[in-house]
Amino acid sequence: MVNYHLIEVDAANRTIYLPKAGMSLDLGGIAKGYATDKAIEALKAQGVTSALVNAGGDVRVIGNKSDGKPWRIGVQDPRQTDGVSAKLALTQWDTMETSGDYQRFIMKNGIRYSHLLNPRTGWQPREVASVTIVNNSSTYGDILSKPIFVLGIEKGLELLKQFPGTEAVIVTTDGKVVVTPGLEGKIELSTEESQ
């Protein structure tokens, strides 16, 4: 039932057909970013100059807070529900989007199993606990955070180089925080384990 090639799209009639009984679509991997982008567009169209839209891990802002200070957003520590791995003021960017293994998961025999899987192996990657993308498009962030999570730090950072102006905060499963060069000096790390 998992095969996007089976989806039949009729652009002229604006319809989608799922040919196998029991098939369904889940746009959770991309829809929240798109929804926050559309919410921001609607707010701007109404003349709103200060706002924050949060769609459960996808955050987008307009301007600064009402007191004139920039919006400061925390990157959750993926192993401590009340902890923060980093804080960033959204001055150059207006979007943060995070994918991680800590919101939707189960523990079995001491092993964490989340909803993020490597499509080639069917298994969960074990190097990264969360990836936060910082840029100016929630949809773009949704598209990048998941592959970087799957690829891991080295290959993920190589992929990110293809998207100028997009930065990342990667938290490994052992608690190290890796930030891309564009965030250096602009982010407050909460852990001594950072690099």
Protein backbone atom coordinates (compact mmCIF):
# COMPACT_ATOMS: atom_id res chain seq x y z
CA MET A 1 0.00 0.00 0.00
CA VAL A 2 3.02 2.31 0.20
CA ASN A 3 3.78 3.37 -3.34
CA TYR A 4 3.33 6.91 -4.57
CA HIS A 5 3.65 5.64 -8.17
CA LEU A 6 0.13 4.18 -7.83
CA ILE A 7 -1.45 7.59 -7.22
CA GLU A 8 -3.32 8.76 -10.31
CA VAL A 9 -3.49 12.55 -10.59
CA ASP A 10 -5.84 14.25 -13.06
CA ALA A 11 -4.64 17.86 -13.06
CA ALA A 12 -7.31 18.99 -15.53
CA ASN A 13 -10.15 17.83 -13.27
CA ARG A 14 -8.21 18.46 -10.04
CA THR A 15 -8.78 14.92 -8.82
CA ILE A 16 -6.67 12.16 -7.31
CA TYR A 17 -7.53 8.47 -7.57
CA LEU A 18 -6.14 5.69 -5.39
CA PRO A 19 -6.57 2.46 -7.40
CA LYS A 20 -6.10 -0.13 -4.60
CA ALA A 21 -8.76 -0.73 -1.98
CA GLY A 22 -7.56 0.44 1.41
CA MET A 23 -5.04 2.98 0.10
CA SER A 24 -4.90 6.38 1.76
CA LEU A 25 -2.84 9.55 1.59
CA ASP A 26 -1.01 11.05 4.54
CA LEU A 27 0.43 14.48 3.86
CA GLY A 28 1.80 14.89 7.41
CA GLY A 29 5.36 15.03 6.11
CA ILE A 30 4.71 18.15 4.04
CA ALA A 31 1.28 19.60 4.89
CA LYS A 32 2.18 21.42 8.12
CA GLY A 33 4.83 23.52 6.40
CA TYR A 34 2.49 24.34 3.55
CA ALA A 35 -0.27 25.21 6.05
CA THR A 36 1.98 27.59 8.01
CA ASP A 37 3.06 29.28 4.78
CA LYS A 38 -0.60 29.77 3.81
CA ALA A 39 -1.49 31.04 7.32
CA ILE A 40 1.31 33.62 7.12
CA GLU A 41 0.11 34.70 3.65
CA ALA A 42 -3.43 35.17 5.01
CA LEU A 43 -2.20 37.17 8.02
CA LYS A 44 -0.02 39.41 5.86
CA ALA A 45 -2.95 39.98 3.49
CA GLN A 46 -4.89 41.32 6.50
CA GLY A 47 -2.06 43.72 7.35
CA VAL A 48 -0.69 41.78 10.32
CA THR A 49 2.90 42.85 11.00
CA SER A 50 3.68 40.74 14.09
CA ALA A 51 2.66 37.10 14.47
CA LEU A 52 3.86 33.58 15.25
CA VAL A 53 2.23 30.49 13.73
CA ASN A 54 3.11 27.15 15.32
CA ALA A 55 1.91 23.92 13.70
CA GLY A 56 3.52 21.37 16.02
CA GLY A 57 7.18 21.66 15.08
CA ASP A 58 6.71 24.02 12.15
CA VAL A 59 7.08 27.63 13.31
CA ARG A 60 6.80 30.69 11.08
CA VAL A 61 6.85 34.35 12.11
CA ILE A 62 6.00 37.76 10.76
CA GLY A 63 8.30 40.59 11.85
CA ASN A 64 9.27 40.98 15.50
CA LYS A 65 7.24 40.52 18.67
CA SER A 66 4.92 43.37 19.67
CA ASP A 67 7.64 44.75 21.99
CA GLY A 68 9.98 45.08 18.99
CA LYS A 69 12.29 42.25 20.05
CA PRO A 70 12.92 39.37 17.62
CA TRP A 71 11.08 36.11 18.06
CA ARG A 72 13.34 33.66 19.98
CA ILE A 73 12.54 30.03 19.36
CA GLY A 74 13.90 27.03 21.24
CA VAL A 75 14.97 23.74 19.68
CA GLN A 76 13.65 21.02 21.98
CA ASP A 77 16.13 18.61 23.49
CA PRO A 78 14.98 15.32 21.93
CA ARG A 79 15.77 13.33 25.10
CA GLN A 80 14.42 15.73 27.73
CA THR A 81 10.81 16.79 27.25
CA ASP A 82 11.32 20.04 29.18
CA GLY A 83 14.84 20.67 27.88
CA VAL A 84 16.08 22.94 25.11
CA SER A 85 19.15 22.13 22.99
CA ALA A 86 19.45 25.59 21.43
CA LYS A 87 17.75 28.98 21.12
CA LEU A 88 17.71 31.18 18.04
CA ALA A 89 16.35 34.64 17.34
CA LEU A 90 14.59 34.66 13.98
CA THR A 91 16.08 37.86 12.64
CA GLN A 92 17.45 36.74 9.25
CA TRP A 93 14.98 33.89 8.83
CA ASP A 94 11.28 33.58 9.51
CA THR A 95 10.88 29.81 9.67
CA MET A 96 12.02 26.90 11.83
CA GLU A 97 10.91 23.34 11.09
CA THR A 98 11.93 20.31 13.13
CA SER A 99 11.74 16.60 12.43
CA GLY A 100 12.74 14.19 15.15
CA ASP A 101 12.35 10.79 16.75
CA TYR A 102 10.98 12.08 20.07
CA GLN A 103 7.32 13.00 19.54
CA ARG A 104 5.96 9.92 17.81
CA PHE A 105 7.77 6.80 18.95
CA ILE A 106 7.54 3.62 20.96
CA MET A 107 10.15 1.96 23.15
CA LYS A 108 10.59 -1.78 22.85
CA ASN A 109 13.33 -3.65 24.70
CA GLY A 110 15.07 -0.34 25.40
CA ILE A 111 15.16 0.65 21.72
CA ARG A 112 13.37 3.72 20.37
CA TYR A 113 11.29 3.22 17.20
CA SER A 114 9.92 6.37 15.59
CA HIS A 115 7.90 7.28 12.51
CA LEU A 116 10.97 8.40 10.54
CA LEU A 117 12.33 5.56 8.42
CA ASN A 118 15.01 5.12 5.80
CA PRO A 119 12.99 4.28 2.65
CA ARG A 120 15.80 2.10 1.29
CA THR A 121 16.13 -0.11 4.37
CA GLY A 122 12.79 0.26 6.13
CA TRP A 123 14.68 0.89 9.39
CA GLN A 124 15.00 3.98 11.52
CA PRO A 125 18.30 5.82 11.22
CA ARG A 126 20.26 5.74 14.50
CA GLU A 127 22.67 8.71 14.22
CA VAL A 128 20.30 11.69 14.46
CA ALA A 129 17.59 12.48 17.02
CA SER A 130 16.36 15.74 15.47
CA VAL A 131 16.94 18.09 12.56
CA THR A 132 15.79 21.70 12.66
CA ILE A 133 15.83 23.64 9.40
CA VAL A 134 16.01 27.44 9.55
CA ASN A 135 15.07 29.38 6.41
CA ASN A 136 12.33 31.47 4.83
CA SER A 137 9.88 28.77 3.69
CA SER A 138 8.13 26.21 5.88
CA THR A 139 7.42 23.95 2.93
CA TYR A 140 11.09 23.96 2.01
CA GLY A 141 12.01 23.08 5.61
CA ASP A 142 9.58 20.16 5.63
CA ILE A 143 11.16 18.83 2.47
CA LEU A 144 14.74 19.03 3.82
CA SER A 145 14.54 18.00 7.48
CA LYS A 146 13.44 14.43 6.85
CA PRO A 147 16.09 13.48 4.25
CA ILE A 148 18.81 15.05 6.40
CA PHE A 149 17.53 13.01 9.35
CA VAL A 150 17.79 9.85 7.24
CA LEU A 151 21.13 10.71 5.61
CA GLY A 152 22.88 11.58 8.86
CA ILE A 153 25.24 14.44 9.60
CA GLU A 154 27.91 14.10 6.92
CA LYS A 155 25.68 13.37 3.92
CA GLY A 156 22.91 15.61 5.27
CA LEU A 157 25.22 18.62 5.45
CA GLU A 158 26.39 17.92 1.90
CA LEU A 159 22.75 17.94 0.74
CA LEU A 160 22.11 21.20 2.58
CA LYS A 161 24.91 22.94 0.65
CA GLN A 162 22.62 22.80 -2.40
CA PHE A 163 20.18 25.18 -0.66
CA PRO A 164 21.88 28.55 0.00
CA GLY A 165 20.32 30.56 2.82
CA THR A 166 19.05 27.43 4.54
CA GLU A 167 20.66 26.48 7.86
CA ALA A 168 20.30 23.54 10.23
CA VAL A 169 20.61 22.44 13.83
CA ILE A 170 21.20 18.71 14.09
CA VAL A 171 21.02 16.92 17.45
CA THR A 172 22.56 13.46 17.50
CA THR A 173 21.21 10.52 19.46
CA ASP A 174 24.08 10.95 21.93
CA GLY A 175 23.23 14.64 22.54
CA LYS A 176 25.77 16.46 20.39
CA VAL A 177 24.48 19.62 18.69
CA VAL A 178 25.80 20.39 15.21
CA VAL A 179 25.02 23.77 13.64
CA THR A 180 25.71 24.90 10.10
CA PRO A 181 28.18 27.78 9.56
CA GLY A 182 25.46 30.34 8.84
CA LEU A 183 24.15 29.96 12.40
CA GLU A 184 27.50 30.33 14.16
CA GLY A 185 27.40 33.32 16.50
CA LYS A 186 23.61 33.61 16.04
CA ILE A 187 22.50 30.63 18.11
CA GLU A 188 22.66 29.95 21.84
CA LEU A 189 23.50 26.34 22.58
CA SER A 190 22.22 24.85 25.84
CA THR A 191 24.65 21.96 26.08
CA GLU A 192 28.39 21.61 26.50
CA GLU A 193 28.26 18.62 24.16
CA SER A 194 27.90 20.88 21.11
CA GLN A 195 30.31 21.22 18.20
